[in-house]
Amino acid sequence: MNVPRNVVWFEALLYLSLTLDALSVAFQDRTPSAEMTEQMITTATVMAAGMILLLVYFVWLAAQRRKSWPRWVLLAALILSVYSLLETIGDVGMLLDSAIETVSCALTVGGLYFSFTGDAKGWFNG
């Protein structure tokens, strides 16, 4: 069976968003300070990488295995990301990191929109 066009867009946009997230984590400042030790930085980096891999798995489950529930988990993760982004922008303003995160969130919004509309409606089954 051919994958519907909206599901292809969903998958492509979500993978692009997660690639931006991975690049953002890869290029983060990892300079230890009084409030952020080297061990804390390493732990945060490993947790971020693990979360990105988990979200990649959810995108794959939804797009290739036709599971519906991962889309809802991705939507919940998006809501948390937007809340965190707004808090960060409120605290320190729009920096390069938050600009990249804004683009990532926009890509995720677009991808999730495609997953719930058009020819994607009949694709997901549980």
Protein backbone atom coordinates (compact mmCIF):
# COMPACT_ATOMS: atom_id res chain seq x y z
CA MET A 1 0.00 0.00 0.00
CA ASN A 2 1.27 3.47 -0.88
CA VAL A 3 1.80 5.93 1.94
CA PRO A 4 -0.61 8.90 1.62
CA ARG A 5 0.91 12.25 0.61
CA ASN A 6 -0.03 13.93 3.92
CA VAL A 7 1.69 11.16 5.88
CA VAL A 8 4.84 11.65 3.79
CA TRP A 9 4.74 15.37 4.62
CA PHE A 10 4.15 14.58 8.31
CA GLU A 11 7.14 12.26 8.39
CA ALA A 12 9.45 14.61 6.46
CA LEU A 13 8.59 17.69 8.52
CA LEU A 14 8.90 15.88 11.85
CA TYR A 15 12.26 14.35 10.89
CA LEU A 16 13.47 17.78 9.79
CA SER A 17 12.33 19.27 13.10
CA LEU A 18 14.10 16.55 15.07
CA THR A 19 17.25 17.06 12.98
CA LEU A 20 17.23 20.74 13.96
CA ASP A 21 16.78 19.72 17.59
CA ALA A 22 19.73 17.33 17.35
CA LEU A 23 21.93 20.01 15.77
CA SER A 24 20.89 22.43 18.49
CA VAL A 25 21.92 19.94 21.19
CA ALA A 26 25.16 19.14 19.37
CA PHE A 27 26.24 22.78 19.26
CA GLN A 28 25.15 23.80 22.76
CA ASP A 29 27.66 25.54 24.99
CA ARG A 30 29.05 22.87 27.32
CA THR A 31 31.28 25.09 29.42
CA PRO A 32 31.04 24.05 33.08
CA SER A 33 30.14 26.78 35.57
CA ALA A 34 29.33 27.12 39.26
CA GLU A 35 25.66 26.25 38.70
CA MET A 36 26.21 23.68 35.92
CA THR A 37 28.86 21.03 36.51
CA GLU A 38 30.40 18.87 33.80
CA GLN A 39 28.42 15.85 35.01
CA MET A 40 25.15 17.80 34.87
CA ILE A 41 25.93 18.95 31.33
CA THR A 42 26.71 15.39 30.23
CA THR A 43 23.53 14.07 31.82
CA ALA A 44 21.41 16.76 30.17
CA THR A 45 23.00 16.07 26.77
CA VAL A 46 22.45 12.31 27.03
CA MET A 47 18.84 12.84 28.13
CA ALA A 48 18.20 15.24 25.22
CA ALA A 49 19.68 12.73 22.76
CA GLY A 50 17.57 9.94 24.24
CA MET A 51 14.42 12.06 23.97
CA ILE A 52 15.16 12.90 20.33
CA LEU A 53 15.66 9.20 19.53
CA LEU A 54 12.39 8.35 21.28
CA LEU A 55 10.54 10.97 19.26
CA VAL A 56 12.12 9.64 16.04
CA TYR A 57 10.75 6.22 17.00
CA PHE A 58 7.28 7.72 17.56
CA VAL A 59 7.34 9.38 14.12
CA TRP A 60 8.33 6.05 12.58
CA LEU A 61 5.57 4.21 14.48
CA ALA A 62 2.98 6.68 13.26
CA ALA A 63 4.10 6.98 9.65
CA GLN A 64 5.30 3.47 8.87
CA ARG A 65 3.41 1.28 11.34
CA ARG A 66 0.18 3.30 11.08
CA LYS A 67 -0.17 3.83 14.84
CA SER A 68 -2.34 6.75 15.89
CA TRP A 69 -1.32 7.16 19.54
CA PRO A 70 2.24 8.40 18.78
CA ARG A 71 0.76 11.44 17.03
CA TRP A 72 -0.96 12.38 20.29
CA VAL A 73 2.28 11.91 22.23
CA LEU A 74 4.05 14.12 19.67
CA LEU A 75 1.30 16.72 20.07
CA ALA A 76 1.75 16.69 23.86
CA ALA A 77 5.54 17.05 23.41
CA LEU A 78 4.93 19.99 21.08
CA ILE A 79 2.72 21.71 23.66
CA LEU A 80 5.43 21.28 26.32
CA SER A 81 8.08 22.56 23.88
CA VAL A 82 6.06 25.66 23.02
CA TYR A 83 5.45 26.38 26.72
CA SER A 84 9.18 26.00 27.45
CA LEU A 85 10.09 28.14 24.43
CA LEU A 86 7.75 30.95 25.49
CA GLU A 87 9.19 30.85 29.00
CA THR A 88 12.75 31.00 27.65
CA ILE A 89 11.97 33.88 25.29
CA GLY A 90 10.28 35.70 28.18
CA ASP A 91 13.36 35.27 30.38
CA VAL A 92 16.28 35.91 27.99
CA GLY A 93 14.71 37.10 24.75
CA MET A 94 15.10 35.69 21.26
CA LEU A 95 18.56 34.18 20.88
CA LEU A 96 19.91 31.81 18.22
CA ASP A 97 18.89 28.76 20.29
CA SER A 98 15.33 29.99 20.71
CA ALA A 99 15.11 30.98 17.03
CA ILE A 100 16.11 27.43 16.03
CA GLU A 101 13.59 26.02 18.50
CA THR A 102 10.91 28.30 17.04
CA VAL A 103 11.58 26.92 13.54
CA SER A 104 11.56 23.38 14.95
CA CYS A 105 8.18 23.97 16.61
CA ALA A 106 6.77 25.46 13.40
CA LEU A 107 7.90 22.39 11.43
CA THR A 108 6.29 20.14 14.04
CA VAL A 109 3.03 22.09 13.88
CA GLY A 110 3.02 21.71 10.10
CA GLY A 111 3.81 18.01 10.26
CA LEU A 112 1.16 17.28 12.85
CA TYR A 113 -1.37 19.29 10.84
CA PHE A 114 -0.69 17.03 7.86
CA SER A 115 -1.05 13.93 10.03
CA PHE A 116 -4.59 14.87 11.07
CA THR A 117 -5.90 16.14 7.72
CA GLY A 118 -6.50 15.14 4.11
CA ASP A 119 -5.59 11.67 2.94
CA ALA A 120 -3.88 10.89 6.27
CA LYS A 121 -7.22 10.48 8.06
CA GLY A 122 -7.70 6.84 7.09
CA TRP A 123 -4.04 5.85 7.47
CA PHE A 124 -3.75 5.55 11.25
CA ASN A 125 -5.40 2.63 12.99
CA GLY A 126 -4.68 2.45 16.67
